[in-house]
Protein backbone atom coordinates (compact mmCIF):
# COMPACT_ATOMS: atom_id res chain seq x y z
CA MET A 1 26.44 28.71 -22.38
CA LEU A 2 28.93 26.13 -21.10
CA GLN A 3 29.10 24.22 -24.36
CA VAL A 4 29.87 27.45 -26.22
CA LEU A 5 32.64 28.26 -23.76
CA ILE A 6 34.22 24.79 -24.04
CA ARG A 7 34.01 24.86 -27.84
CA ALA A 8 35.72 28.26 -27.87
CA MET A 9 38.52 26.96 -25.67
CA LEU A 10 38.99 23.90 -27.87
CA LEU A 11 39.10 26.13 -30.94
CA ILE A 12 41.71 28.39 -29.34
CA GLU A 13 43.75 25.34 -28.41
CA ALA A 14 43.52 23.93 -31.95
CA THR A 15 44.57 27.31 -33.38
CA PHE A 16 47.58 27.36 -31.07
CA TYR A 17 48.62 23.89 -32.22
CA PHE A 18 48.28 24.93 -35.85
CA TRP A 19 50.48 27.96 -35.23
CA LEU A 20 53.00 25.79 -33.37
CA VAL A 21 53.19 23.26 -36.20
CA VAL A 22 53.84 25.99 -38.77
CA ARG A 23 56.48 27.61 -36.57
CA LEU A 24 58.30 24.36 -35.80
CA ARG A 25 58.26 23.18 -39.43
CA ARG A 26 59.83 26.46 -40.51
CA ASN A 27 62.60 25.75 -38.02
CA GLY A 28 63.16 22.31 -39.50
CA VAL A 29 61.69 20.21 -36.69
CA GLU A 30 60.71 16.71 -37.80
CA PRO A 31 56.99 15.81 -37.89
CA VAL A 32 57.44 13.02 -35.33
CA MET A 33 59.00 15.44 -32.85
CA ILE A 34 56.26 18.00 -33.51
CA ALA A 35 53.61 15.38 -32.80
CA ALA A 36 55.36 14.42 -29.56
CA ILE A 37 55.52 18.05 -28.46
CA ILE A 38 51.82 18.62 -29.15
CA VAL A 39 50.82 15.42 -27.33
CA ALA A 40 52.94 16.46 -24.34
CA ILE A 41 51.42 19.96 -24.20
CA ALA A 42 47.85 18.66 -24.61
CA SER A 43 48.39 16.02 -21.92
CA CYS A 44 49.90 18.47 -19.42
CA TRP A 45 47.11 20.99 -20.07
CA ARG A 46 44.42 18.39 -19.40
CA LEU A 47 46.19 16.96 -16.40
CA SER A 48 46.36 20.43 -14.88
CA HIS A 49 42.54 20.62 -14.88
CA SER A 50 42.31 17.75 -12.43
CA MET A 51 45.57 18.35 -10.59
CA ALA A 52 44.70 21.79 -9.18
CA SER A 53 41.73 20.72 -7.06
CA TRP A 54 43.35 17.33 -6.33
CA LEU A 55 46.39 19.05 -4.81
CA VAL A 56 44.24 21.43 -2.78
CA ALA A 57 42.15 18.55 -1.41
CA ALA A 58 45.28 16.48 -0.71
CA THR A 59 46.74 19.42 1.23
CA LEU A 60 43.58 19.74 3.31
CA ARG A 61 43.60 16.01 4.06
CA TRP A 62 47.27 16.22 5.10
CA ARG A 63 46.50 19.24 7.29
CA ASP A 64 43.71 17.35 9.04
CA GLY A 65 45.60 14.07 9.36
CA ARG A 66 43.31 12.33 6.87
CA SER A 67 45.80 11.49 4.14
CA LEU A 68 44.92 8.53 1.93
CA PRO A 69 47.29 5.77 0.78
CA ILE A 70 49.22 6.92 -2.28
CA GLY A 71 47.84 4.13 -4.48
CA ASN A 72 44.27 4.96 -3.50
CA SER A 73 44.87 8.67 -4.00
CA LEU A 74 46.36 8.15 -7.46
CA ALA A 75 43.44 5.91 -8.42
CA GLY A 76 41.09 8.75 -7.52
CA LEU A 77 43.13 11.18 -9.59
CA MET A 78 43.17 8.87 -12.61
CA SER A 79 39.40 8.35 -12.44
CA GLU A 80 38.97 12.11 -12.36
CA LEU A 81 41.29 12.62 -15.30
CA ARG A 82 39.43 10.06 -17.41
CA ALA A 83 36.10 11.68 -16.55
CA TRP A 84 37.39 15.16 -17.43
CA LEU A 85 38.86 13.94 -20.73
CA VAL A 86 35.45 12.71 -21.88
CA SER A 87 33.21 15.36 -20.38
CA TYR A 88 35.20 18.53 -21.03
CA ASN A 89 36.56 17.54 -24.44
CA TRP A 90 33.53 15.88 -25.96
CA SER A 91 30.23 15.29 -24.18
CA GLN A 92 29.76 18.73 -22.63
CA ALA A 93 31.09 20.57 -25.66
CA PHE A 94 28.69 18.67 -27.92
CA PRO A 95 25.90 17.35 -25.65
CA GLN A 96 23.38 16.83 -28.43
CA GLN A 97 25.84 14.84 -30.52
CA ALA A 98 27.03 12.84 -27.51
CA LEU A 99 23.63 12.09 -25.94
CA GLY A 100 21.00 12.69 -28.57
CA ASP A 101 17.42 13.40 -27.58
CA ASP A 102 15.69 12.45 -24.34
CA PRO A 103 14.47 10.02 -23.27
CA ILE A 104 16.31 6.73 -23.72
CA GLY A 105 15.75 3.36 -22.08
CA LYS A 106 12.58 1.51 -21.19
CA SER A 107 9.55 3.50 -22.26
CA ASP A 108 7.05 2.26 -19.66
CA GLY A 109 9.13 2.21 -16.49
CA THR A 110 9.47 4.82 -13.74
CA PRO A 111 10.95 7.98 -15.29
CA ILE A 112 14.44 8.92 -14.12
CA LEU A 113 15.68 12.52 -14.21
CA LEU A 114 19.46 13.09 -14.12
CA VAL A 115 20.57 16.42 -12.64
CA HIS A 116 24.15 17.59 -13.13
CA GLY A 117 26.26 19.72 -10.79
CA PHE A 118 28.29 22.93 -10.78
CA PHE A 119 29.74 24.29 -14.05
CA SER A 120 28.28 21.42 -16.06
CA ASN A 121 25.51 20.50 -18.47
CA ARG A 122 23.57 17.38 -19.42
CA GLY A 123 26.59 16.05 -21.33
CA MET A 124 28.09 14.94 -18.01
CA TRP A 125 25.74 11.93 -18.01
CA VAL A 126 26.98 10.48 -21.32
CA ARG A 127 28.03 7.11 -19.86
CA PHE A 128 25.83 6.96 -16.76
CA ARG A 129 22.68 7.55 -18.80
CA LYS A 130 23.51 4.78 -21.29
CA ARG A 131 24.26 2.31 -18.50
CA LEU A 132 20.86 2.94 -16.93
CA ALA A 133 19.17 2.37 -20.28
CA ASP A 134 21.24 -0.78 -20.95
CA ALA A 135 20.10 -2.10 -17.55
CA GLY A 136 16.49 -1.90 -18.72
CA LEU A 137 15.60 1.19 -16.70
CA GLY A 138 13.89 4.29 -17.92
CA PRO A 139 12.71 6.35 -19.56
CA VAL A 140 15.81 8.37 -18.66
CA TYR A 141 15.76 12.15 -18.97
CA THR A 142 18.34 14.89 -18.38
CA VAL A 143 18.26 18.60 -17.64
CA THR A 144 20.71 21.48 -18.10
CA LEU A 145 20.54 23.87 -15.16
CA GLU A 146 20.73 27.55 -15.93
CA PRO A 147 21.85 30.25 -15.50
CA MET A 148 25.28 28.72 -14.94
CA THR A 149 26.51 31.83 -13.09
CA GLY A 150 23.31 32.34 -11.12
CA THR A 151 22.00 31.16 -7.78
CA ILE A 152 20.86 27.69 -6.83
CA ASP A 153 17.37 29.11 -6.33
CA GLN A 154 17.25 30.21 -9.97
CA MET A 155 18.26 26.69 -11.03
CA VAL A 156 15.48 25.25 -8.87
CA GLU A 157 12.99 26.92 -11.21
CA VAL A 158 14.59 25.20 -14.23
CA PHE A 159 14.59 21.87 -12.40
CA ALA A 160 10.93 22.23 -11.40
CA ALA A 161 9.92 23.05 -14.98
CA ARG A 162 11.78 20.01 -16.33
CA LEU A 163 10.27 17.78 -13.64
CA ALA A 164 6.78 18.90 -14.61
CA GLU A 165 7.60 18.43 -18.29
CA VAL A 166 8.68 14.82 -17.70
CA GLN A 167 5.50 14.19 -15.74
CA ARG A 168 3.35 15.55 -18.56
CA GLU A 169 5.21 13.59 -21.21
CA THR A 170 5.14 10.26 -19.36
CA GLY A 171 1.94 10.61 -17.37
CA ALA A 172 3.86 9.48 -14.28
CA GLU A 173 2.92 10.84 -10.88
CA LYS A 174 6.34 10.20 -9.37
CA ILE A 175 9.87 10.38 -10.77
CA ILE A 176 13.26 9.10 -9.61
CA VAL A 177 15.89 11.84 -9.35
CA VAL A 178 19.61 11.08 -9.56
CA ALA A 179 21.70 14.18 -8.91
CA HIS A 180 25.43 14.87 -8.95
CA SER A 181 27.10 17.42 -6.69
CA MET A 182 25.22 20.75 -6.71
CA GLY A 183 22.31 19.01 -8.43
CA GLY A 184 21.53 17.36 -5.11
CA LEU A 185 21.15 20.76 -3.45
CA VAL A 186 18.93 21.96 -6.29
CA THR A 187 16.67 18.95 -5.80
CA ARG A 188 16.58 19.34 -2.01
CA ALA A 189 15.70 23.02 -2.36
CA HIS A 190 12.85 22.14 -4.70
CA MET A 191 11.47 19.55 -2.27
CA ALA A 192 11.79 21.99 0.64
CA GLN A 193 9.96 24.72 -1.25
CA ALA A 194 7.35 22.81 -3.24
CA GLY A 195 7.11 19.48 -1.50
CA ALA A 196 8.30 16.06 -2.66
CA GLY A 197 5.02 14.67 -3.92
CA SER A 198 6.38 14.19 -7.43
CA ILE A 199 9.62 12.45 -6.38
CA ARG A 200 9.59 8.71 -5.67
CA GLN A 201 13.29 8.27 -4.86
CA PHE A 202 16.24 10.64 -4.47
CA ILE A 203 19.84 9.57 -5.14
CA THR A 204 22.84 11.89 -4.87
CA LEU A 205 26.42 11.43 -6.01
CA GLY A 206 29.01 13.54 -4.21
CA SER A 207 26.55 16.28 -3.25
CA PRO A 208 27.87 18.84 -0.71
CA HIS A 209 24.82 18.57 1.54
CA HIS A 210 26.60 20.45 4.32
CA GLY A 211 28.67 22.56 1.93
CA THR A 212 32.33 22.26 1.04
CA GLN A 213 35.45 24.08 2.15
CA LEU A 214 36.55 24.16 -1.49
CA ALA A 215 33.58 26.25 -2.64
CA GLY A 216 35.78 29.30 -2.27
CA LEU A 217 37.48 28.23 -5.51
CA GLY A 218 34.23 28.87 -7.40
CA LEU A 219 33.52 32.28 -8.88
CA PHE A 220 29.75 32.22 -9.18
CA LYS A 221 26.88 32.92 -6.78
CA CYS A 222 25.93 29.26 -6.58
CA ALA A 223 29.47 28.43 -5.42
CA THR A 224 29.15 30.95 -2.57
CA GLN A 225 25.95 29.23 -1.48
CA MET A 226 27.79 25.90 -1.32
CA ARG A 227 30.41 27.05 1.17
CA HIS A 228 30.70 24.82 4.21
CA GLU A 229 27.71 25.44 6.51
CA SER A 230 26.82 28.63 4.64
CA PRO A 231 23.67 30.57 5.55
CA TRP A 232 21.97 29.12 2.47
CA ILE A 233 22.87 25.54 3.50
CA GLU A 234 21.65 26.14 7.06
CA THR A 235 18.39 27.70 5.87
CA LEU A 236 17.75 24.68 3.64
CA ALA A 237 18.33 22.31 6.57
CA ASP A 238 15.93 24.33 8.74
CA MET A 239 13.24 24.16 6.06
CA GLU A 240 13.64 20.38 5.80
CA GLU A 241 13.47 19.97 9.56
CA ALA A 242 10.24 21.94 9.65
CA SER A 243 8.70 19.94 6.79
CA PRO A 244 10.37 16.51 6.41
CA HIS A 245 9.59 15.01 3.00
CA GLY A 246 10.03 11.29 3.71
CA VAL A 247 11.45 10.41 0.28
CA PRO A 248 13.76 7.32 0.27
CA THR A 249 17.22 8.84 -0.20
CA LEU A 250 20.62 7.38 -1.05
CA SER A 251 23.78 9.46 -0.82
CA ILE A 252 26.88 7.98 -2.47
CA TYR A 253 30.09 9.90 -1.91
CA THR A 254 33.80 9.32 -2.36
CA LEU A 255 36.55 9.63 0.22
CA ASN A 256 38.77 10.83 -2.65
CA ASP A 257 36.53 13.78 -3.46
CA ASP A 258 38.67 16.69 -4.64
CA LEU A 259 35.85 19.25 -4.62
CA VAL A 260 33.66 18.31 -1.64
CA TYR A 261 35.68 18.54 1.57
CA PRO A 262 35.36 17.08 4.06
CA PRO A 263 33.79 14.15 2.17
CA GLU A 264 31.36 13.51 5.04
CA SER A 265 29.66 16.74 4.01
CA ALA A 266 27.81 14.51 1.56
CA GLU A 267 26.11 12.59 4.38
CA LEU A 268 22.49 13.20 5.35
CA ALA A 269 20.98 12.09 8.65
CA TRP A 270 17.82 10.91 6.89
CA ALA A 271 19.56 9.11 4.01
CA GLU A 272 21.35 5.84 3.42
CA ASN A 273 24.96 7.04 3.16
CA VAL A 274 27.39 4.94 1.14
CA PRO A 275 31.09 5.91 0.93
CA VAL A 276 33.34 4.65 -1.88
CA SER A 277 37.04 5.22 -2.54
CA GLY A 278 39.52 5.35 -5.39
CA ILE A 279 37.07 7.48 -7.38
CA GLY A 280 37.15 11.23 -7.99
CA HIS A 281 34.31 13.75 -7.75
CA VAL A 282 33.44 13.85 -11.45
CA GLY A 283 34.53 10.22 -11.68
CA LEU A 284 31.45 9.23 -9.66
CA MET A 285 29.35 9.79 -12.80
CA PHE A 286 31.62 7.58 -14.90
CA SER A 287 32.27 4.77 -12.41
CA GLU A 288 30.80 1.37 -13.25
CA VAL A 289 30.77 0.46 -9.55
CA VAL A 290 28.78 3.56 -8.62
CA THR A 291 26.38 3.13 -11.53
CA GLN A 292 25.65 -0.47 -10.55
CA ARG A 293 24.98 0.62 -6.96
CA VAL A 294 22.49 3.18 -8.25
CA ILE A 295 20.84 0.62 -10.54
CA ALA A 296 20.44 -1.77 -7.60
CA ALA A 297 18.88 0.98 -5.48
CA ILE A 298 16.42 1.91 -8.21
CA ARG A 299 15.37 -1.69 -8.67
CA LYS A 300 14.88 -2.11 -4.94
CA PRO A 301 14.40 1.27 -3.25
CA ALA A 302 16.03 1.43 0.18
CA LEU A 303 13.84 2.17 3.18
CA LEU A 304 14.46 5.31 5.14
CA PRO A 305 16.76 4.65 8.14
């Protein structure tokens, strides 16, 4: 569904540019000037995608006396912009063309399942997935959670089915799960409901484990469930307390997160929590530093604290 929506938006944008070129040429505008105008419009449009949530998060940090140095804050914004340019203009619009078939990487290692977050699909992992494979890890699999507008509980069913499919295909009893944002909640909900016997290691990137104050910006049911300390979040925590799973867990989060606020919402009492900075929320999936930290953790799983 998401890829169709993004493709439609790109087509509408391309149609607008075509109309603009025709209109400007009729008015005698030089081709060089037309090109400059189109580049300016396209750049401002794409910058606005990252700027909206960045400004909201910056306002919240200022309100709470947690403002970041301007250089650090701009670095986070730029990492987010780069990630959005790739993911929302190429890899998520054309996930099959960008990623190809699963799996990639080492064929006889511990399987790794990558789980994306809110309003995303498997295309989000275009760089992260390749880096894992290049590091000699794998086989690496992905999943697209659906329905995009549904509840997290509905997505848990899709995750569970994909987990079982990877197990059948590889013959592995246990799988490593790396999840971004909402994908971490989907994985936790699965472990709370069905147990964690099939998961060897759990790594999250910017997951709102305690919810986020910015979830109100989301329009779907799953966004409502991710509100800061929502009833759904609290119920999940109660289920985990009643039946702790004991899976080695690493939570990497960024102090520059423009969608999970406060950033400490990504911390778990039973996980190894690692903060980074100068990286945006989506940028976590594209960061070389973050990817190398994940690779190191997979090669040498951290013990539970």
